[in-house]
């Protein structure tokens, strides 16, 4: 019995001014006996939470993504399938990494409450040291070191790759043309490696035998665009303060409750929204809410903090720029233009990112009522030929989306801009220029 191994090899390549000096990781495929390499096993069950922290399966999946064979099976079974009169021409997939440890900036907050719950046994550290050294060489600082992918996160991304391999085998996608990119962070690079391991295992005949090159560019933003397309600095401090103040007033009751819990908590609202929320989400996904004081074990605390952060991001992303485009549209125009251009040429194109990779895409595409993306989330653009015309279907975690005023399975092009769920690929590219 044989399987495909992915190995990292470090190479360097110079391109244009935006990518000069970028580091490239070569994903070389080779055949080896299955006894030499097995998928990372799912870790042993973690301690059950206390009754106050009890969560439904849907609560868990909404934050942590699928964590069990049943969860992966449900994701596979619920994946939207196109009508029989359509032919898949190309696909682009944007992912959020799998399960991870706490971010470096959150660790001090976490350890105040979780002294008995070390993250180290959960880290899938096969290539972490090598990647940290490589990425640090590009002056990324702590971005290369914190929030490491866990063993569970590796399983999640392997299963996601397997799901797409099975899907595109069934839909007969020609995958001879493959590109892969990752944001310059350990957990996203290792998530890409795990994804392609699952993809190649489930679709070995679709994927070419030649080396797969994973492009990792430290000089680009989290949305794969040039830094000049991330005009966050153009949002005035007064505007950001006004947005934050409105959100704080809306959630004043929660903030008062949290600030009454003792001097261990960060007093700054932004720190509450980031560091404390990060600790709570990691604890929740690992089944370790029992390590927190009783008042923090209520799922509603974590959910409301997450809603606060999402509300702020949504408002900021919708701020109109001098060009008339929203901030999210400016942030994502480069990668959307690239992705749509690539799927028009056929093949499979992969982008491994973070939550802040997906959120501005959700906003730019005007997805309706989007939530914070769970771990191992995936946004997919699939180009179909339907009755002689080309349409793009937008899927989020396998579900067909109907951005803006599109309410059909395949939308008409007339009257739709970049926000259509299914629209002319050429029209979408033109609108993003």
Foldseek 3Di string as FASTA:
>chain_A
DKAKAWDWDKDDDADDPLFGPFIWTWTAIDIDPCVVDDQQDQDDAFDAADPQLDDDPVLLCQAQNDQDPVRLVVLLVLFDDDDPQKAFFAKEKEWAFHQWDFFPVQVVLLCVQPVPDDCVVFAPVPCLVVLLVVLVVVVPPSQAPTGGQGSSRLVLLLSQLLSVLQVCVVSVFQAADEAAEEESYNRLVSSVSSSVSNNCRNHVPRYDNGMYMYTYGHQPDLQRHHPVLQVPVVQDPVNLVVQLVVLCVVVVVLLVVVVVPDPSDDNDLVCCLRNVLSSLSSCSNSNNLNSGPSVSSNVVSSVSSQVSVLSSVLVQQQPADPVRAGSLLSSNLVVLLVRLVVSVVGHYYYYGGHQVNVSSVCNNLQFPPDGRHHHGKMWMWIWMQHPNAIKIAIDTSSHTTAGDPRDDNAGEQPPDESNGRIHHSVRNNVRSD
